[in-house]
PDB file of all heavy atoms in Angstrom:
ATOM      1  N   GLU A   1      -1.928  64.524 -27.538  1.00  0.00           N
ATOM      2  CA  GLU A   1      -3.191  64.420 -26.825  1.00  0.00           C
ATOM      3  C   GLU A   1      -4.401  64.549 -27.732  1.00  0.00           C
ATOM      4  O   GLU A   1      -5.407  63.851 -27.527  1.00  0.00           O
ATOM      5  CB  GLU A   1      -3.241  65.469 -25.706  1.00  0.00           C
ATOM      6  CG  GLU A   1      -2.185  65.227 -24.631  1.00  0.00           C
ATOM      7  CD  GLU A   1      -2.382  66.103 -23.412  1.00  0.00           C
ATOM      8  OE1 GLU A   1      -3.442  66.811 -23.314  1.00  0.00           O
ATOM      9  OE2 GLU A   1      -1.485  66.126 -22.545  1.00  0.00           O
ATOM     10  N   LYS A   2      -4.313  65.374 -28.744  1.00  0.00           N
ATOM     11  CA  LYS A   2      -5.451  65.517 -29.674  1.00  0.00           C
ATOM     12  C   LYS A   2      -5.643  64.223 -30.466  1.00  0.00           C
ATOM     13  O   LYS A   2      -6.778  63.761 -30.653  1.00  0.00           O
ATOM     14  CB  LYS A   2      -5.235  66.683 -30.638  1.00  0.00           C
ATOM     15  CG  LYS A   2      -5.312  68.064 -29.958  1.00  0.00           C
ATOM     16  CD  LYS A   2      -5.140  69.182 -30.993  1.00  0.00           C
ATOM     17  CE  LYS A   2      -5.271  70.543 -30.343  1.00  0.00           C
ATOM     18  NZ  LYS A   2      -5.080  71.647 -31.319  1.00  0.00           N
ATOM     19  N   GLN A   3      -4.528  63.635 -30.909  1.00  0.00           N
ATOM     20  CA  GLN A   3      -4.625  62.370 -31.660  1.00  0.00           C
ATOM     21  C   GLN A   3      -5.144  61.281 -30.734  1.00  0.00           C
ATOM     22  O   GLN A   3      -5.953  60.460 -31.154  1.00  0.00           O
ATOM     23  CB  GLN A   3      -3.235  62.005 -32.190  1.00  0.00           C
ATOM     24  CG  GLN A   3      -3.244  60.962 -33.267  1.00  0.00           C
ATOM     25  CD  GLN A   3      -3.744  61.469 -34.597  1.00  0.00           C
ATOM     26  OE1 GLN A   3      -3.794  62.657 -34.835  1.00  0.00           O
ATOM     27  NE2 GLN A   3      -4.168  60.564 -35.441  1.00  0.00           N
ATOM     28  N   ALA A   4      -4.656  61.223 -29.528  1.00  0.00           N
ATOM     29  CA  ALA A   4      -5.097  60.220 -28.584  1.00  0.00           C
ATOM     30  C   ALA A   4      -6.600  60.313 -28.308  1.00  0.00           C
ATOM     31  O   ALA A   4      -7.302  59.303 -28.223  1.00  0.00           O
ATOM     32  CB  ALA A   4      -4.326  60.323 -27.284  1.00  0.00           C
ATOM     33  N   GLU A   5      -7.092  61.562 -28.164  1.00  0.00           N
ATOM     34  CA  GLU A   5      -8.518  61.739 -27.929  1.00  0.00           C
ATOM     35  C   GLU A   5      -9.349  61.299 -29.137  1.00  0.00           C
ATOM     36  O   GLU A   5     -10.420  60.729 -28.990  1.00  0.00           O
ATOM     37  CB  GLU A   5      -8.805  63.217 -27.597  1.00  0.00           C
ATOM     38  CG  GLU A   5     -10.264  63.542 -27.374  1.00  0.00           C
ATOM     39  CD  GLU A   5     -10.881  62.817 -26.208  1.00  0.00           C
ATOM     40  OE1 GLU A   5     -10.161  62.230 -25.396  1.00  0.00           O
ATOM     41  OE2 GLU A   5     -12.142  62.837 -26.082  1.00  0.00           O
ATOM     42  N   LEU A   6      -8.855  61.580 -30.330  1.00  0.00           N
ATOM     43  CA  LEU A   6      -9.554  61.148 -31.555  1.00  0.00           C
ATOM     44  C   LEU A   6      -9.677  59.613 -31.580  1.00  0.00           C
ATOM     45  O   LEU A   6     -10.729  59.062 -31.884  1.00  0.00           O
ATOM     46  CB  LEU A   6      -8.845  61.658 -32.771  1.00  0.00           C
ATOM     47  CG  LEU A   6      -9.467  61.366 -34.128  1.00  0.00           C
ATOM     48  CD1 LEU A   6     -10.831  61.973 -34.246  1.00  0.00           C
ATOM     49  CD2 LEU A   6      -8.551  61.881 -35.260  1.00  0.00           C
ATOM     50  N   ILE A   7      -8.574  58.949 -31.258  1.00  0.00           N
ATOM     51  CA  ILE A   7      -8.602  57.479 -31.265  1.00  0.00           C
ATOM     52  C   ILE A   7      -9.530  56.971 -30.148  1.00  0.00           C
ATOM     53  O   ILE A   7     -10.300  56.031 -30.367  1.00  0.00           O
ATOM     54  CB  ILE A   7      -7.156  56.934 -31.015  1.00  0.00           C
ATOM     55  CG1 ILE A   7      -6.239  57.355 -32.179  1.00  0.00           C
ATOM     56  CG2 ILE A   7      -7.194  55.412 -30.908  1.00  0.00           C
ATOM     57  CD1 ILE A   7      -4.775  57.026 -31.925  1.00  0.00           C
ATOM     58  N   ARG A   8      -9.478  57.622 -29.000  1.00  0.00           N
ATOM     59  CA  ARG A   8     -10.340  57.199 -27.882  1.00  0.00           C
ATOM     60  C   ARG A   8     -11.815  57.272 -28.273  1.00  0.00           C
ATOM     61  O   ARG A   8     -12.588  56.328 -28.036  1.00  0.00           O
ATOM     62  CB  ARG A   8     -10.058  58.077 -26.645  1.00  0.00           C
ATOM     63  CG  ARG A   8     -10.767  57.590 -25.372  1.00  0.00           C
ATOM     64  CD  ARG A   8     -10.601  58.592 -24.246  1.00  0.00           C
ATOM     65  NE  ARG A   8     -11.433  59.769 -24.466  1.00  0.00           N
ATOM     66  CZ  ARG A   8     -12.725  59.873 -24.158  1.00  0.00           C
ATOM     67  NH1 ARG A   8     -13.326  58.829 -23.573  1.00  0.00           N
ATOM     68  NH2 ARG A   8     -13.412  60.966 -24.390  1.00  0.00           N
ATOM     69  N   ARG A   9     -12.189  58.383 -28.875  1.00  0.00           N
ATOM     70  CA  ARG A   9     -13.597  58.539 -29.292  1.00  0.00           C
ATOM     71  C   ARG A   9     -13.997  57.511 -30.359  1.00  0.00           C
ATOM     72  O   ARG A   9     -15.113  56.973 -30.315  1.00  0.00           O
ATOM     73  CB  ARG A   9     -13.823  59.961 -29.822  1.00  0.00           C
ATOM     74  CG  ARG A   9     -13.745  61.046 -28.722  1.00  0.00           C
ATOM     75  CD  ARG A   9     -14.032  62.395 -29.292  1.00  0.00           C
ATOM     76  NE  ARG A   9     -13.924  63.444 -28.292  1.00  0.00           N
ATOM     77  CZ  ARG A   9     -14.117  64.724 -28.541  1.00  0.00           C
ATOM     78  NH1 ARG A   9     -14.437  65.142 -29.764  1.00  0.00           N
ATOM     79  NH2 ARG A   9     -14.001  65.602 -27.567  1.00  0.00           N
ATOM     80  N   SER A  10     -13.099  57.249 -31.279  1.00  0.00           N
ATOM     81  CA  SER A  10     -13.383  56.251 -32.320  1.00  0.00           C
ATOM     82  C   SER A  10     -13.578  54.886 -31.690  1.00  0.00           C
ATOM     83  O   SER A  10     -14.468  54.142 -32.077  1.00  0.00           O
ATOM     84  CB  SER A  10     -12.263  56.221 -33.333  1.00  0.00           C
ATOM     85  OG  SER A  10     -12.140  57.479 -34.021  1.00  0.00           O
ATOM     86  N   LEU A  11     -12.728  54.540 -30.718  1.00  0.00           N
ATOM     87  CA  LEU A  11     -12.864  53.223 -30.060  1.00  0.00           C
ATOM     88  C   LEU A  11     -14.152  53.139 -29.262  1.00  0.00           C
ATOM     89  O   LEU A  11     -14.821  52.086 -29.262  1.00  0.00           O
ATOM     90  CB  LEU A  11     -11.659  52.994 -29.165  1.00  0.00           C
ATOM     91  CG  LEU A  11     -10.338  52.693 -29.850  1.00  0.00           C
ATOM     92  CD1 LEU A  11      -9.165  52.751 -28.868  1.00  0.00           C
ATOM     93  CD2 LEU A  11     -10.362  51.331 -30.547  1.00  0.00           C
ATOM     94  N   LEU A  12     -14.519  54.220 -28.609  1.00  0.00           N
ATOM     95  CA  LEU A  12     -15.781  54.234 -27.878  1.00  0.00           C
ATOM     96  C   LEU A  12     -16.952  53.988 -28.817  1.00  0.00           C
ATOM     97  O   LEU A  12     -17.886  53.240 -28.476  1.00  0.00           O
ATOM     98  CB  LEU A  12     -15.965  55.557 -27.139  1.00  0.00           C
ATOM     99  CG  LEU A  12     -15.147  55.774 -25.876  1.00  0.00           C
ATOM    100  CD1 LEU A  12     -15.291  57.212 -25.374  1.00  0.00           C
ATOM    101  CD2 LEU A  12     -15.581  54.803 -24.769  1.00  0.00           C
ATOM    102  N   SER A  13     -16.901  54.600 -30.004  1.00  0.00           N
ATOM    103  CA  SER A  13     -17.988  54.432 -30.946  1.00  0.00           C
ATOM    104  C   SER A  13     -18.098  52.994 -31.492  1.00  0.00           C
ATOM    105  O   SER A  13     -19.119  52.589 -31.954  1.00  0.00           O
ATOM    106  CB  SER A  13     -17.837  55.411 -32.142  1.00  0.00           C
ATOM    107  OG  SER A  13     -16.727  55.022 -32.964  1.00  0.00           O
ATOM    108  N   GLU A  14     -16.965  52.264 -31.368  1.00  0.00           N
ATOM    109  CA  GLU A  14     -16.944  50.858 -31.806  1.00  0.00           C
ATOM    110  C   GLU A  14     -17.285  49.895 -30.659  1.00  0.00           C
ATOM    111  O   GLU A  14     -17.285  48.673 -30.821  1.00  0.00           O
ATOM    112  CB  GLU A  14     -15.552  50.502 -32.346  1.00  0.00           C
ATOM    113  CG  GLU A  14     -15.143  51.228 -33.579  1.00  0.00           C
ATOM    114  CD  GLU A  14     -15.508  50.478 -34.840  1.00  0.00           C
ATOM    115  OE1 GLU A  14     -15.435  49.232 -34.826  1.00  0.00           O
ATOM    116  OE2 GLU A  14     -15.848  51.114 -35.835  1.00  0.00           O
ATOM    117  N   GLY A  15     -17.593  50.451 -29.476  1.00  0.00           N
ATOM    118  CA  GLY A  15     -17.983  49.620 -28.351  1.00  0.00           C
ATOM    119  C   GLY A  15     -16.846  49.171 -27.470  1.00  0.00           C
ATOM    120  O   GLY A  15     -17.058  48.338 -26.572  1.00  0.00           O
ATOM    121  N   HIS A  16     -15.656  49.727 -27.665  1.00  0.00           N
ATOM    122  CA  HIS A  16     -14.503  49.374 -26.811  1.00  0.00           C
ATOM    123  C   HIS A  16     -14.466  50.293 -25.592  1.00  0.00           C
ATOM    124  O   HIS A  16     -15.060  51.345 -25.582  1.00  0.00           O
ATOM    125  CB  HIS A  16     -13.213  49.481 -27.614  1.00  0.00           C
ATOM    126  CG  HIS A  16     -13.142  48.581 -28.802  1.00  0.00           C
ATOM    127  ND1 HIS A  16     -13.088  47.230 -28.691  1.00  0.00           N
ATOM    128  CD2 HIS A  16     -13.170  48.867 -30.143  1.00  0.00           C
ATOM    129  CE1 HIS A  16     -13.056  46.689 -29.922  1.00  0.00           C
ATOM    130  NE2 HIS A  16     -13.099  47.666 -30.789  1.00  0.00           N
ATOM    131  N   THR A  17     -13.675  49.873 -24.598  1.00  0.00           N
ATOM    132  CA  THR A  17     -13.412  50.711 -23.414  1.00  0.00           C
ATOM    133  C   THR A  17     -11.944  51.039 -23.401  1.00  0.00           C
ATOM    134  O   THR A  17     -11.136  50.292 -22.849  1.00  0.00           O
ATOM    135  CB  THR A  17     -13.817  49.934 -22.144  1.00  0.00           C
ATOM    136  OG1 THR A  17     -15.191  49.525 -22.248  1.00  0.00           O
ATOM    137  CG2 THR A  17     -13.685  50.851 -20.926  1.00  0.00           C
ATOM    138  N   PRO A  18     -11.552  52.177 -23.987  1.00  0.00           N
ATOM    139  CA  PRO A  18     -10.120  52.475 -24.105  1.00  0.00           C
ATOM    140  C   PRO A  18      -9.541  53.143 -22.870  1.00  0.00           C
ATOM    141  O   PRO A  18     -10.215  53.886 -22.172  1.00  0.00           O
ATOM    142  CB  PRO A  18     -10.090  53.445 -25.314  1.00  0.00           C
ATOM    143  CG  PRO A  18     -11.421  54.113 -25.274  1.00  0.00           C
ATOM    144  CD  PRO A  18     -12.395  53.120 -24.730  1.00  0.00           C
ATOM    145  N   THR A  19      -8.274  52.824 -22.630  1.00  0.00           N
ATOM    146  CA  THR A  19      -7.459  53.562 -21.664  1.00  0.00           C
ATOM    147  C   THR A  19      -6.390  54.294 -22.449  1.00  0.00           C
ATOM    148  O   THR A  19      -5.790  53.705 -23.354  1.00  0.00           O
ATOM    149  CB  THR A  19      -6.804  52.593 -20.674  1.00  0.00           C
ATOM    150  OG1 THR A  19      -7.813  51.929 -19.936  1.00  0.00           O
ATOM    151  CG2 THR A  19      -5.872  53.332 -19.731  1.00  0.00           C
ATOM    152  N   VAL A  20      -6.121  55.544 -22.104  1.00  0.00           N
ATOM    153  CA  VAL A  20      -5.159  56.356 -22.867  1.00  0.00           C
ATOM    154  C   VAL A  20      -3.994  56.709 -21.932  1.00  0.00           C
ATOM    155  O   VAL A  20      -4.189  57.138 -20.786  1.00  0.00           O
ATOM    156  CB  VAL A  20      -5.797  57.635 -23.398  1.00  0.00           C
ATOM    157  CG1 VAL A  20      -4.743  58.531 -24.087  1.00  0.00           C
ATOM    158  CG2 VAL A  20      -6.933  57.299 -24.371  1.00  0.00           C
ATOM    159  N   VAL A  21      -2.766  56.498 -22.430  1.00  0.00           N
ATOM    160  CA  VAL A  21      -1.561  56.919 -21.748  1.00  0.00           C
ATOM    161  C   VAL A  21      -0.690  57.691 -22.722  1.00  0.00           C
ATOM    162  O   VAL A  21      -0.876  57.584 -23.924  1.00  0.00           O
ATOM    163  CB  VAL A  21      -0.792  55.734 -21.137  1.00  0.00           C
ATOM    164  CG1 VAL A  21      -1.605  55.022 -20.092  1.00  0.00           C
ATOM    165  CG2 VAL A  21      -0.324  54.759 -22.226  1.00  0.00           C
ATOM    166  N   HIS A  22       0.280  58.463 -22.184  1.00  0.00           N
ATOM    167  CA  HIS A  22       1.010  59.370 -23.038  1.00  0.00           C
ATOM    168  C   HIS A  22       2.542  59.148 -23.037  1.00  0.00           C
ATOM    169  O   HIS A  22       3.290  59.948 -23.605  1.00  0.00           O
ATOM    170  CB  HIS A  22       0.730  60.819 -22.681  1.00  0.00           C
ATOM    171  CG  HIS A  22      -0.757  61.150 -22.789  1.00  0.00           C
ATOM    172  ND1 HIS A  22      -1.429  61.158 -23.995  1.00  0.00           N
ATOM    173  CD2 HIS A  22      -1.648  61.513 -21.843  1.00  0.00           C
ATOM    174  CE1 HIS A  22      -2.671  61.491 -23.779  1.00  0.00           C
ATOM    175  NE2 HIS A  22      -2.851  61.703 -22.490  1.00  0.00           N
ATOM    176  N   ASP A  23       3.010  58.077 -22.381  1.00  0.00           N
ATOM    177  CA  ASP A  23       4.440  57.762 -22.452  1.00  0.00           C
ATOM    178  C   ASP A  23       4.619  56.252 -22.329  1.00  0.00           C
ATOM    179  O   ASP A  23       3.696  55.519 -21.931  1.00  0.00           O
ATOM    180  CB  ASP A  23       5.239  58.523 -21.371  1.00  0.00           C
ATOM    181  CG  ASP A  23       4.907  58.062 -19.941  1.00  0.00           C
ATOM    182  OD1 ASP A  23       5.314  56.935 -19.587  1.00  0.00           O
ATOM    183  OD2 ASP A  23       4.280  58.836 -19.200  1.00  0.00           O
ATOM    184  N   GLY A  24       5.826  55.818 -22.671  1.00  0.00           N
ATOM    185  CA  GLY A  24       6.074  54.378 -22.744  1.00  0.00           C
ATOM    186  C   GLY A  24       6.038  53.687 -21.388  1.00  0.00           C
ATOM    187  O   GLY A  24       5.577  52.565 -21.297  1.00  0.00           O
ATOM    188  N   ARG A  25       6.526  54.340 -20.345  1.00  0.00           N
ATOM    189  CA  ARG A  25       6.495  53.726 -19.016  1.00  0.00           C
ATOM    190  C   ARG A  25       5.068  53.486 -18.578  1.00  0.00           C
ATOM    191  O   ARG A  25       4.714  52.420 -18.028  1.00  0.00           O
ATOM    192  CB  ARG A  25       7.208  54.642 -18.004  1.00  0.00           C
ATOM    193  CG  ARG A  25       7.131  54.149 -16.579  1.00  0.00           C
ATOM    194  CD  ARG A  25       7.839  52.818 -16.368  1.00  0.00           C
ATOM    195  NE  ARG A  25       9.277  52.953 -16.597  1.00  0.00           N
ATOM    196  CZ  ARG A  25      10.079  51.935 -16.699  1.00  0.00           C
ATOM    197  NH1 ARG A  25       9.632  50.670 -16.605  1.00  0.00           N
ATOM    198  NH2 ARG A  25      11.384  52.115 -16.899  1.00  0.00           N
ATOM    199  N   ALA A  26       4.205  54.481 -18.808  1.00  0.00           N
ATOM    200  CA  ALA A  26       2.790  54.315 -18.424  1.00  0.00           C
ATOM    201  C   ALA A  26       2.139  53.227 -19.254  1.00  0.00           C
ATOM    202  O   ALA A  26       1.255  52.513 -18.751  1.00  0.00           O
ATOM    203  CB  ALA A  26       2.047  55.646 -18.628  1.00  0.00           C
ATOM    204  N   ALA A  27       2.546  53.078 -20.504  1.00  0.00           N
ATOM    205  CA  ALA A  27       2.002  52.008 -21.359  1.00  0.00           C
ATOM    206  C   ALA A  27       2.326  50.645 -20.774  1.00  0.00           C
ATOM    207  O   ALA A  27       1.453  49.750 -20.690  1.00  0.00           O
ATOM    208  CB  ALA A  27       2.540  52.104 -22.782  1.00  0.00           C
TER     209      ALA A  27
END
């Protein structure tokens, strides 16, 4: 979750709209 949040914030700063999931089925 910490890594996912770091990626999410980085993507937001690049102008993307990220969706985060934590398992393969949800992906």
